[in-house]
Structures are given as structure tokens and as C-alpha cells.
Amino acid sequence: GAEFGYGFLSVYYYDFSEGIDFDMPDYKYVNTGKYTSQGVKFQRQWLRENGSWFTYFEYTDSEKLRIPEFMTKLGYEWSDTLPNGMPWDASLMYVGEFNKGLEYNGEPIDDVSSANLRWGVYPNPDMHIVLAVEDIFDNKFEILPGYPAGGREISLSIRLSY
């Protein structure tokens, strides 16, 4: 295979003589044989005074199962200080995977679409408290048949470092 990139854009082509994948209905690894994958990627980050925009788009043409034809990630991350001087940071991110084709049994594979929000504060240099909402829109999907994924998750975490 080969991948060539310049700046924010890259193109790739891979020709595999033997691929290995996991077959969920039979619950075992299987040889998927020969397949090719080719595509183009664009990723760029724009820095701003208190944050940055991030974009990622990818188109893939592949003979392999479960490989999305289109993938995207769009987001913004920023940081600042509260009126009392306490630093904070936040991010809003959207991730999508579309047109994944058909599963081994012929069923269509669900698209993945998720928006995530995170906000954190630093009460002191050794502590970061973060409130996160994953999958804001509560999308339900299956990455593998019979294994539900997605759904809103809210978490509060405290990270200590010494």
C-alpha cells in the first residue's frame, strides 16, 4: 500500500493479500481474503485566540466489510478563565460514519452519528474536574449486529496528578 499527503490532504491505496476479521454470528476470526481500500483524507486545525476548530473528512472505497464510505469529525476546543481566575476548558465534537455497507448476513450496518460535549475546570494545577455528555442527541446504533451502542452518557470525573 501507499499513502501520499501534502498539507491537509492525503490519498491512499492499499491492496491486501490476506485480511482477518471477526465474524460475530460464528464468534470467530475469519480470513477475508484479498481486498483493496483506497480513498482520500482531509484534516485541518484552525487555531484561534482561546481555542481551535478541527475538521476531518474521509472518503474510502473498500471491499472490506464495516468500512464506512464517509467519515467526518468536526469540533471546537477552547479554554479561558472564570472571573475568579480559575482556568477552564471545553470541547464540542461531532463524529459520523456513513454507508458502511452490509454485514455478513446481508443486513445493513447502522450509520454512526454522535455529538459530544465536555467542560472542565482546574481548581488547582493538580486537579481537573470534567463534566461530559457523550452522544447529546441520544442516537442508538449497532456497530456489530446484536451489540447495541450509542445512547447518551453523562459522566463527572476528577483527575488528580502529582
N, C-alpha and C. Protein backbone atom coordinates (compact mmCIF):
# COMPACT_ATOMS: atom_id res chain seq x y z
N GLY A 1 0.82 -1.18 0.00
CA GLY A 1 0.00 0.00 0.00
C GLY A 1 0.86 1.24 0.00
N ALA A 2 0.19 2.36 -0.21
CA ALA A 2 0.89 3.63 -0.22
C ALA A 2 -0.07 4.74 0.18
N GLU A 3 0.48 5.77 0.82
CA GLU A 3 -0.29 6.95 1.15
C GLU A 3 0.59 8.16 0.86
N PHE A 4 0.03 9.11 0.14
CA PHE A 4 0.74 10.33 -0.21
C PHE A 4 -0.05 11.52 0.30
N GLY A 5 0.64 12.41 0.98
CA GLY A 5 -0.05 13.57 1.51
C GLY A 5 0.76 14.84 1.29
N TYR A 6 0.01 15.93 1.22
CA TYR A 6 0.64 17.24 1.14
C TYR A 6 -0.28 18.21 1.87
N GLY A 7 0.27 18.86 2.87
CA GLY A 7 -0.55 19.81 3.62
C GLY A 7 -1.69 19.11 4.35
N PHE A 8 -2.90 19.48 4.02
CA PHE A 8 -4.08 18.97 4.72
C PHE A 8 -4.73 17.79 4.02
N LEU A 9 -4.21 17.38 2.86
CA LEU A 9 -4.85 16.37 2.03
C LEU A 9 -3.94 15.18 1.83
N SER A 10 -4.52 13.99 1.86
CA SER A 10 -3.74 12.79 1.52
C SER A 10 -4.62 11.81 0.76
N VAL A 11 -4.01 11.03 -0.09
CA VAL A 11 -4.68 9.97 -0.83
C VAL A 11 -3.96 8.67 -0.54
N TYR A 12 -4.71 7.56 -0.55
CA TYR A 12 -4.10 6.28 -0.21
C TYR A 12 -4.69 5.16 -1.04
N TYR A 13 -3.91 4.07 -1.14
CA TYR A 13 -4.33 2.85 -1.83
C TYR A 13 -3.63 1.69 -1.12
N TYR A 14 -4.42 0.71 -0.70
CA TYR A 14 -3.88 -0.49 -0.05
C TYR A 14 -4.45 -1.72 -0.73
N ASP A 15 -3.60 -2.69 -1.02
CA ASP A 15 -4.00 -3.94 -1.66
C ASP A 15 -3.55 -5.07 -0.73
N PHE A 16 -4.50 -5.67 -0.01
CA PHE A 16 -4.18 -6.71 0.97
C PHE A 16 -4.35 -8.09 0.34
N SER A 17 -3.37 -8.95 0.55
CA SER A 17 -3.47 -10.30 0.01
C SER A 17 -4.22 -11.22 0.98
N GLU A 18 -4.17 -10.92 2.27
CA GLU A 18 -4.93 -11.68 3.26
C GLU A 18 -5.41 -10.73 4.33
N GLY A 19 -6.71 -10.73 4.59
CA GLY A 19 -7.27 -9.91 5.64
C GLY A 19 -7.89 -10.79 6.70
N ILE A 20 -7.94 -10.32 7.91
CA ILE A 20 -8.55 -11.07 9.01
C ILE A 20 -9.61 -10.18 9.64
N ASP A 21 -10.78 -10.75 9.89
CA ASP A 21 -11.89 -10.01 10.50
C ASP A 21 -12.58 -10.94 11.49
N PHE A 22 -13.45 -10.37 12.32
CA PHE A 22 -14.17 -11.16 13.32
C PHE A 22 -15.59 -11.38 12.85
N ASP A 23 -16.02 -12.62 12.75
CA ASP A 23 -17.37 -13.00 12.33
C ASP A 23 -18.22 -13.17 13.58
N MET A 24 -19.10 -12.19 13.86
CA MET A 24 -19.90 -12.21 15.09
C MET A 24 -20.88 -13.38 15.16
N PRO A 25 -21.63 -13.73 14.08
CA PRO A 25 -22.57 -14.85 14.21
C PRO A 25 -21.88 -16.16 14.60
N ASP A 26 -20.70 -16.42 14.04
CA ASP A 26 -19.97 -17.65 14.38
C ASP A 26 -18.98 -17.43 15.51
N TYR A 27 -18.80 -16.18 15.93
CA TYR A 27 -17.92 -15.80 17.03
C TYR A 27 -16.52 -16.37 16.85
N LYS A 28 -15.92 -16.04 15.69
CA LYS A 28 -14.56 -16.48 15.43
C LYS A 28 -13.91 -15.56 14.40
N TYR A 29 -12.60 -15.60 14.35
CA TYR A 29 -11.87 -14.84 13.35
C TYR A 29 -11.90 -15.60 12.03
N VAL A 30 -12.03 -14.85 10.94
CA VAL A 30 -12.09 -15.46 9.62
C VAL A 30 -11.13 -14.75 8.69
N ASN A 31 -10.63 -15.50 7.70
CA ASN A 31 -9.79 -14.93 6.67
C ASN A 31 -10.71 -14.29 5.64
N THR A 32 -10.58 -12.99 5.43
CA THR A 32 -11.44 -12.29 4.49
C THR A 32 -10.87 -12.28 3.09
N GLY A 33 -9.69 -12.86 2.93
CA GLY A 33 -9.09 -12.94 1.60
C GLY A 33 -8.54 -11.62 1.13
N LYS A 34 -8.45 -11.50 -0.17
CA LYS A 34 -7.85 -10.34 -0.81
C LYS A 34 -8.88 -9.21 -0.89
N TYR A 35 -8.43 -7.99 -0.60
CA TYR A 35 -9.29 -6.82 -0.80
C TYR A 35 -8.43 -5.57 -0.95
N THR A 36 -9.03 -4.56 -1.52
CA THR A 36 -8.35 -3.28 -1.68
C THR A 36 -9.14 -2.19 -0.95
N SER A 37 -8.44 -1.20 -0.51
CA SER A 37 -9.04 0.01 0.08
C SER A 37 -8.29 1.20 -0.51
N GLN A 38 -9.06 2.20 -0.89
CA GLN A 38 -8.47 3.41 -1.43
C GLN A 38 -9.34 4.59 -1.05
N GLY A 39 -8.72 5.75 -0.94
CA GLY A 39 -9.52 6.90 -0.56
C GLY A 39 -8.71 8.17 -0.44
N VAL A 40 -9.39 9.17 0.11
CA VAL A 40 -8.80 10.48 0.28
C VAL A 40 -9.20 11.02 1.65
N LYS A 41 -8.25 11.73 2.31
CA LYS A 41 -8.50 12.31 3.64
C LYS A 41 -8.15 13.79 3.62
N PHE A 42 -8.95 14.55 4.36
CA PHE A 42 -8.66 15.96 4.56
C PHE A 42 -8.76 16.22 6.05
N GLN A 43 -7.73 16.80 6.64
CA GLN A 43 -7.83 17.20 8.05
C GLN A 43 -7.08 18.51 8.24
N ARG A 44 -7.71 19.35 9.05
CA ARG A 44 -7.13 20.67 9.28
C ARG A 44 -7.57 21.19 10.63
N GLN A 45 -6.69 21.93 11.25
CA GLN A 45 -6.98 22.59 12.52
C GLN A 45 -6.70 24.08 12.34
N TRP A 46 -7.65 24.91 12.77
CA TRP A 46 -7.50 26.35 12.71
C TRP A 46 -7.39 26.86 14.14
N LEU A 47 -6.27 27.45 14.48
CA LEU A 47 -6.05 27.96 15.84
C LEU A 47 -6.66 29.35 15.97
N ARG A 48 -7.32 29.58 17.09
CA ARG A 48 -7.90 30.88 17.41
C ARG A 48 -7.32 31.34 18.75
N GLU A 49 -7.66 32.53 19.18
CA GLU A 49 -7.08 33.10 20.41
C GLU A 49 -7.28 32.19 21.61
N ASN A 50 -8.50 31.71 21.86
CA ASN A 50 -8.77 30.87 23.03
C ASN A 50 -9.19 29.46 22.66
N GLY A 51 -8.93 29.04 21.42
CA GLY A 51 -9.37 27.70 21.05
C GLY A 51 -8.97 27.35 19.64
N SER A 52 -9.57 26.27 19.14
CA SER A 52 -9.26 25.84 17.78
C SER A 52 -10.41 25.03 17.19
N TRP A 53 -10.61 25.20 15.88
CA TRP A 53 -11.53 24.38 15.11
C TRP A 53 -10.77 23.19 14.57
N PHE A 54 -11.46 22.05 14.47
CA PHE A 54 -10.85 20.85 13.91
C PHE A 54 -11.82 20.25 12.90
N THR A 55 -11.32 19.93 11.70
CA THR A 55 -12.15 19.26 10.69
C THR A 55 -11.42 18.04 10.16
N TYR A 56 -12.19 16.99 9.90
CA TYR A 56 -11.64 15.77 9.32
C TYR A 56 -12.72 15.17 8.43
N PHE A 57 -12.38 14.92 7.19
CA PHE A 57 -13.29 14.25 6.26
C PHE A 57 -12.52 13.15 5.56
N GLU A 58 -13.17 12.01 5.39
CA GLU A 58 -12.51 10.91 4.68
C GLU A 58 -13.52 10.19 3.81
N TYR A 59 -13.10 9.89 2.58
CA TYR A 59 -13.87 9.05 1.67
C TYR A 59 -13.05 7.79 1.44
N THR A 60 -13.67 6.62 1.62
CA THR A 60 -12.99 5.34 1.43
C THR A 60 -13.80 4.45 0.51
N ASP A 61 -13.15 3.89 -0.46
CA ASP A 61 -13.74 2.88 -1.33
C ASP A 61 -13.04 1.57 -0.97
N SER A 62 -13.78 0.66 -0.33
CA SER A 62 -13.15 -0.58 0.15
C SER A 62 -14.04 -1.77 -0.10
N GLU A 63 -13.42 -2.91 -0.35
CA GLU A 63 -14.15 -4.17 -0.49
C GLU A 63 -14.36 -4.83 0.87
N LYS A 64 -13.76 -4.30 1.92
CA LYS A 64 -13.84 -4.90 3.25
C LYS A 64 -15.15 -4.50 3.94
N LEU A 65 -15.69 -5.43 4.73
CA LEU A 65 -16.91 -5.16 5.48
C LEU A 65 -16.68 -4.14 6.58
N ARG A 66 -17.73 -3.41 6.93
CA ARG A 66 -17.77 -2.48 8.06
C ARG A 66 -16.90 -1.23 7.88
N ILE A 67 -16.36 -1.01 6.71
CA ILE A 67 -15.56 0.19 6.49
C ILE A 67 -16.50 1.29 5.97
N PRO A 68 -16.64 2.39 6.70
CA PRO A 68 -17.55 3.44 6.24
C PRO A 68 -17.03 4.12 4.97
N GLU A 69 -17.96 4.41 4.07
CA GLU A 69 -17.59 5.12 2.86
C GLU A 69 -17.21 6.57 3.18
N PHE A 70 -17.96 7.18 4.12
CA PHE A 70 -17.70 8.56 4.51
C PHE A 70 -17.50 8.64 6.02
N MET A 71 -16.48 9.36 6.45
CA MET A 71 -16.27 9.63 7.88
C MET A 71 -16.02 11.12 8.04
N THR A 72 -16.48 11.65 9.17
CA THR A 72 -16.25 13.05 9.44
C THR A 72 -16.10 13.28 10.94
N LYS A 73 -15.33 14.29 11.26
CA LYS A 73 -15.18 14.73 12.64
C LYS A 73 -15.04 16.24 12.60
N LEU A 74 -15.93 16.94 13.27
CA LEU A 74 -15.92 18.39 13.31
C LEU A 74 -15.96 18.80 14.77
N GLY A 75 -15.16 19.76 15.14
CA GLY A 75 -15.18 20.14 16.54
C GLY A 75 -14.54 21.48 16.82
N TYR A 76 -14.79 21.92 18.03
CA TYR A 76 -14.17 23.15 18.52
C TYR A 76 -13.73 22.90 19.95
N GLU A 77 -12.52 23.30 20.27
CA GLU A 77 -11.99 23.20 21.63
C GLU A 77 -11.57 24.60 22.05
N TRP A 78 -11.88 24.96 23.28
CA TRP A 78 -11.48 26.27 23.76
C TRP A 78 -11.16 26.23 25.23
N SER A 79 -10.47 27.28 25.69
CA SER A 79 -10.11 27.39 27.10
C SER A 79 -10.06 28.87 27.46
N ASP A 80 -10.28 29.16 28.73
CA ASP A 80 -10.31 30.53 29.21
C ASP A 80 -10.22 30.47 30.73
N THR A 81 -10.49 31.57 31.39
CA THR A 81 -10.53 31.60 32.85
C THR A 81 -11.86 32.18 33.31
N LEU A 82 -12.35 31.68 34.44
CA LEU A 82 -13.55 32.21 35.07
C LEU A 82 -13.22 33.56 35.70
N PRO A 83 -14.25 34.35 36.09
CA PRO A 83 -13.98 35.65 36.72
C PRO A 83 -13.08 35.56 37.95
N ASN A 84 -13.11 34.41 38.65
CA ASN A 84 -12.26 34.27 39.83
C ASN A 84 -10.84 33.82 39.48
N GLY A 85 -10.55 33.70 38.17
CA GLY A 85 -9.21 33.33 37.72
C GLY A 85 -9.01 31.83 37.54
N MET A 86 -10.01 31.01 37.82
CA MET A 86 -9.87 29.56 37.67
C MET A 86 -9.92 29.18 36.19
N PRO A 87 -8.91 28.45 35.69
CA PRO A 87 -8.90 28.05 34.28
C PRO A 87 -9.98 27.00 33.99
N TRP A 88 -10.51 27.04 32.79
CA TRP A 88 -11.47 26.03 32.33
C TRP A 88 -11.18 25.71 30.87
N ASP A 89 -11.68 24.54 30.44
CA ASP A 89 -11.58 24.16 29.03
C ASP A 89 -12.85 23.42 28.64
N ALA A 90 -13.12 23.39 27.35
CA ALA A 90 -14.34 22.75 26.86
C ALA A 90 -14.13 22.29 25.42
N SER A 91 -14.97 21.37 24.99
CA SER A 91 -14.95 20.95 23.59
C SER A 91 -16.35 20.51 23.18
N LEU A 92 -16.65 20.74 21.93
CA LEU A 92 -17.88 20.26 21.30
C LEU A 92 -17.43 19.55 20.04
N MET A 93 -17.81 18.27 19.91
CA MET A 93 -17.30 17.45 18.82
C MET A 93 -18.44 16.67 18.19
N TYR A 94 -18.44 16.58 16.86
CA TYR A 94 -19.38 15.73 16.12
C TYR A 94 -18.56 14.70 15.36
N VAL A 95 -19.00 13.43 15.44
CA VAL A 95 -18.34 12.33 14.74
C VAL A 95 -19.40 11.57 13.95
N GLY A 96 -19.11 11.25 12.70
CA GLY A 96 -20.06 10.49 11.89
C GLY A 96 -19.35 9.49 11.00
N GLU A 97 -19.99 8.32 10.84
CA GLU A 97 -19.53 7.28 9.92
C GLU A 97 -20.75 6.83 9.13
N PHE A 98 -20.67 6.88 7.78
CA PHE A 98 -21.84 6.64 6.97
C PHE A 98 -21.55 5.65 5.84
N ASN A 99 -22.60 4.95 5.41
CA ASN A 99 -22.56 3.98 4.31
C ASN A 99 -21.54 2.88 4.57
N LYS A 100 -21.81 2.09 5.62
CA LYS A 100 -20.89 1.02 5.99
C LYS A 100 -21.17 -0.28 5.25
N GLY A 101 -22.19 -0.29 4.41
CA GLY A 101 -22.46 -1.49 3.61
C GLY A 101 -23.29 -2.52 4.35
N LEU A 102 -23.11 -3.80 3.96
CA LEU A 102 -23.88 -4.91 4.51
C LEU A 102 -23.01 -5.80 5.37
N GLU A 103 -23.63 -6.38 6.39
CA GLU A 103 -22.97 -7.32 7.29
C GLU A 103 -22.87 -8.68 6.59
N TYR A 104 -22.19 -9.64 7.23
CA TYR A 104 -22.05 -11.00 6.67
C TYR A 104 -23.40 -11.59 6.30
N ASN A 105 -24.43 -11.34 7.13
CA ASN A 105 -25.75 -11.94 6.91
C ASN A 105 -26.62 -11.11 5.97
N GLY A 106 -26.08 -10.06 5.36
CA GLY A 106 -26.83 -9.26 4.41
C GLY A 106 -27.59 -8.08 5.00
N GLU A 107 -27.57 -7.94 6.33
CA GLU A 107 -28.25 -6.81 6.97
C GLU A 107 -27.41 -5.55 6.81
N PRO A 108 -28.08 -4.39 6.62
CA PRO A 108 -27.32 -3.14 6.53
C PRO A 108 -26.69 -2.78 7.88
N ILE A 109 -25.52 -2.21 7.85
CA ILE A 109 -24.82 -1.79 9.06
C ILE A 109 -25.22 -0.35 9.36
N ASP A 110 -25.56 -0.08 10.62
CA ASP A 110 -26.02 1.24 11.02
C ASP A 110 -24.96 2.31 10.82
N ASP A 111 -25.42 3.50 10.44
CA ASP A 111 -24.55 4.68 10.44
C ASP A 111 -24.29 5.08 11.88
N VAL A 112 -23.18 5.73 12.12
CA VAL A 112 -22.84 6.23 13.46
C VAL A 112 -22.84 7.75 13.38
N SER A 113 -23.55 8.38 14.30
CA SER A 113 -23.61 9.83 14.35
C SER A 113 -23.70 10.24 15.81
N SER A 114 -22.71 10.99 16.28
CA SER A 114 -22.65 11.32 17.70
C SER A 114 -22.08 12.72 17.91
N ALA A 115 -22.72 13.48 18.78
CA ALA A 115 -22.21 14.79 19.18
C ALA A 115 -21.87 14.72 20.66
N ASN A 116 -20.72 15.24 21.04
CA ASN A 116 -20.23 15.13 22.41
C ASN A 116 -19.82 16.50 22.94
N LEU A 117 -20.11 16.73 24.20
CA LEU A 117 -19.78 17.99 24.86
C LEU A 117 -18.99 17.69 26.12
N ARG A 118 -17.92 18.45 26.35
CA ARG A 118 -17.11 18.28 27.56
C ARG A 118 -16.77 19.66 28.10
N TRP A 119 -16.88 19.83 29.42
CA TRP A 119 -16.49 21.08 30.08
C TRP A 119 -15.74 20.74 31.36
N GLY A 120 -14.59 21.36 31.56
CA GLY A 120 -13.79 21.06 32.74
C GLY A 120 -13.20 22.30 33.37
N VAL A 121 -12.92 22.20 34.66
CA VAL A 121 -12.29 23.30 35.41
C VAL A 121 -11.05 22.75 36.13
N TYR A 122 -10.12 23.66 36.42
CA TYR A 122 -8.89 23.33 37.15
C TYR A 122 -8.89 24.11 38.46
N PRO A 123 -9.47 23.53 39.55
CA PRO A 123 -9.47 24.24 40.83
C PRO A 123 -8.06 24.52 41.33
N ASN A 124 -7.11 23.64 40.98
CA ASN A 124 -5.70 23.86 41.26
C ASN A 124 -4.90 23.16 40.16
N PRO A 125 -3.62 23.40 40.06
CA PRO A 125 -2.84 22.81 38.95
C PRO A 125 -2.82 21.29 38.93
N ASP A 126 -3.12 20.63 40.06
CA ASP A 126 -3.08 19.17 40.14
C ASP A 126 -4.44 18.51 39.99
N MET A 127 -5.50 19.28 39.75
CA MET A 127 -6.84 18.71 39.70
C MET A 127 -7.61 19.24 38.49
N HIS A 128 -8.25 18.31 37.76
CA HIS A 128 -9.09 18.66 36.62
C HIS A 128 -10.44 17.97 36.82
N ILE A 129 -11.51 18.74 36.94
CA ILE A 129 -12.87 18.20 37.11
C ILE A 129 -13.60 18.39 35.79
N VAL A 130 -14.14 17.30 35.24
CA VAL A 130 -14.74 17.34 33.91
C VAL A 130 -16.16 16.78 33.94
N LEU A 131 -17.10 17.53 33.36
CA LEU A 131 -18.46 17.07 33.10
C LEU A 131 -18.55 16.81 31.61
N ALA A 132 -18.95 15.60 31.23
CA ALA A 132 -19.02 15.22 29.82
C ALA A 132 -20.39 14.66 29.50
N VAL A 133 -20.90 15.02 28.34
CA VAL A 133 -22.14 14.45 27.81
C VAL A 133 -21.78 13.85 26.46
N GLU A 134 -21.76 12.53 26.41
CA GLU A 134 -21.46 11.81 25.17
C GLU A 134 -22.77 11.50 24.46
N ASP A 135 -22.81 11.65 23.16
CA ASP A 135 -23.99 11.40 22.33
C ASP A 135 -25.18 12.25 22.80
N ILE A 136 -25.02 13.54 22.69
CA ILE A 136 -26.02 14.51 23.15
C ILE A 136 -27.42 14.19 22.64
N PHE A 137 -27.53 13.75 21.38
CA PHE A 137 -28.84 13.53 20.76
C PHE A 137 -29.38 12.13 21.00
N ASP A 138 -28.70 11.33 21.83
CA ASP A 138 -29.18 10.01 22.25
C ASP A 138 -29.45 9.08 21.06
N ASN A 139 -28.53 9.04 20.10
CA ASN A 139 -28.66 8.15 18.95
C ASN A 139 -28.35 6.72 19.34
N LYS A 140 -29.15 5.80 18.86
CA LYS A 140 -28.92 4.37 19.10
C LYS A 140 -28.49 3.74 17.78
N PHE A 141 -27.46 2.90 17.83
CA PHE A 141 -26.99 2.23 16.64
C PHE A 141 -26.27 0.96 17.07
N GLU A 142 -26.01 0.09 16.09
CA GLU A 142 -25.23 -1.13 16.33
C GLU A 142 -23.97 -1.05 15.49
N ILE A 143 -22.84 -1.24 16.13
CA ILE A 143 -21.60 -1.32 15.37
C ILE A 143 -21.43 -2.74 14.84
N LEU A 144 -21.81 -3.72 15.65
CA LEU A 144 -21.88 -5.12 15.25
C LEU A 144 -23.30 -5.60 15.50
N PRO A 145 -23.85 -6.47 14.64
CA PRO A 145 -25.22 -6.94 14.84
C PRO A 145 -25.42 -7.56 16.22
N GLY A 146 -26.49 -7.15 16.89
CA GLY A 146 -26.80 -7.70 18.20
C GLY A 146 -26.07 -7.04 19.35
N TYR A 147 -25.22 -6.06 19.07
CA TYR A 147 -24.47 -5.37 20.11
C TYR A 147 -24.80 -3.88 20.05
N PRO A 148 -25.82 -3.46 20.82
CA PRO A 148 -26.23 -2.06 20.76
C PRO A 148 -25.12 -1.13 21.27
N ALA A 149 -25.07 0.03 20.66
CA ALA A 149 -24.11 1.06 21.06
C ALA A 149 -24.82 2.40 21.00
N GLY A 150 -24.08 3.42 21.32
CA GLY A 150 -24.67 4.75 21.31
C GLY A 150 -25.50 4.97 22.55
N GLY A 151 -26.26 6.03 22.53
CA GLY A 151 -27.07 6.38 23.68
C GLY A 151 -26.33 7.38 24.54
N ARG A 152 -27.07 8.31 25.09
CA ARG A 152 -26.48 9.39 25.89
C ARG A 152 -25.82 8.86 27.15
N GLU A 153 -24.63 9.36 27.41
CA GLU A 153 -23.91 9.05 28.64
C GLU A 153 -23.45 10.36 29.26
N ILE A 154 -23.68 10.51 30.55
CA ILE A 154 -23.25 11.70 31.27
C ILE A 154 -22.27 11.24 32.34
N SER A 155 -21.12 11.88 32.40
CA SER A 155 -20.12 11.47 33.39
C SER A 155 -19.48 12.70 34.04
N LEU A 156 -19.08 12.51 35.26
CA LEU A 156 -18.33 13.50 36.00
C LEU A 156 -17.06 12.82 36.46
N SER A 157 -15.93 13.40 36.12
CA SER A 157 -14.66 12.77 36.50
C SER A 157 -13.74 13.79 37.16
N ILE A 158 -12.88 13.27 38.01
CA ILE A 158 -11.87 14.08 38.68
C ILE A 158 -10.53 13.42 38.42
N ARG A 159 -9.62 14.18 37.83
CA ARG A 159 -8.27 13.65 37.56
C ARG A 159 -7.29 14.39 38.47
N LEU A 160 -6.55 13.61 39.23
CA LEU A 160 -5.52 14.17 40.13
C LEU A 160 -4.16 13.78 39.58
N SER A 161 -3.23 14.71 39.59
CA SER A 161 -1.86 14.40 39.16
C SER A 161 -0.89 15.00 40.18
N TYR A 162 0.12 14.23 40.49
CA TYR A 162 1.12 14.68 41.46
C TYR A 162 2.49 14.37 40.94
